[in-house]
Amino acid sequence: MNSSDGELLVERREAVLWLTLNRPERRNALTDAVLLQMAHVVREAGTDPSLRAIVLTGAGEQAFCAGADLTPGDTPFQSDPARLTLPLADLARAVHGCHVPLVGRINGVCMAGGMGLFGLCDLAVAADHARFGLPEVRIGLFPMQVLTMLRDLIPPRRLNEMCMTGRPIDAPTALSLGLLNRVVPAAELDAAVDMLLDDLLAASPIALRRGKYAMRAVQGMGFHQMVAFTESNIGAMIQTRDAREGLAAFNERRRPSWVGC
């Protein structure tokens, strides 16, 4: 699964898969090829029971992702009637079907389509110089697809303002809105991400996967449907080997040894 060159770097670090947008000279702008490759990698990752987390970041220190590459050529704005899904939508579907926790390492500017990637992450840590924005209206567009990834993340009036004015927000503001888990100086970004990964790796793999699935599944459910769904799922989780191991470890005052099932 590793790929050490090209526009998307894929690196397996023990139980964590790192995906790095590798176009720093273009502020890690997105192309069709990169989005399609990401979707493929995420789908593969979702089938690997030994994988515990995925980290998404950008190369360099200036940009996480500035959105779509607007130069002529391989851009996500090309219209092809023969293609039923756009690459960003394909990636969103892949992430939605992947129950591995996805961590965003936001190392700089995060704009437009980059906000879509950010919205797909379950957890996110940002450098304090990062900025977040949806400037599409300033070039005659609107963040249509990105809305689906941000609707439940950003408070409605602030989302309206970002979409309708194109005005960006800084990292402290994003943190205050609940969009980020932590904001740290750039020099401390890797340490903050590692700390978050340590917490994920200390948790039961099957609990995280089933939990992420459940959190996605209950979205849009009515109250009674949600209660019935969660009731049946906790009953199933109690039967897992990890649940038995976790309870035994708690009572024996030791660290659990997870098996992931």
Foldseek 3Di string as FASTA:
>chain_A
DADCDDQWGWDDDQQEIEIEGEDVVQLSADFQVSLQVLLVVLLVNLVDLSHAEYEQAYPDQAHRYAYWDPDPDGTQPDDDVVDPDGSLVSSLVSLLPRLHAYEYLTRHEQEQVSLLVLLSHPAYEYEQHHKYAYQQVVVPGFSVVSCVSCVVPAPVVVVCCRGVPRDIDTDVVCVVRVSHPYYHHSVCSVVVVVVVVVVSVLDARQCSSLVSNLVSVCVPPDDVVNVVVVVVSVVVVCPDPQVVQVVVCVVVVHRGDHPRD
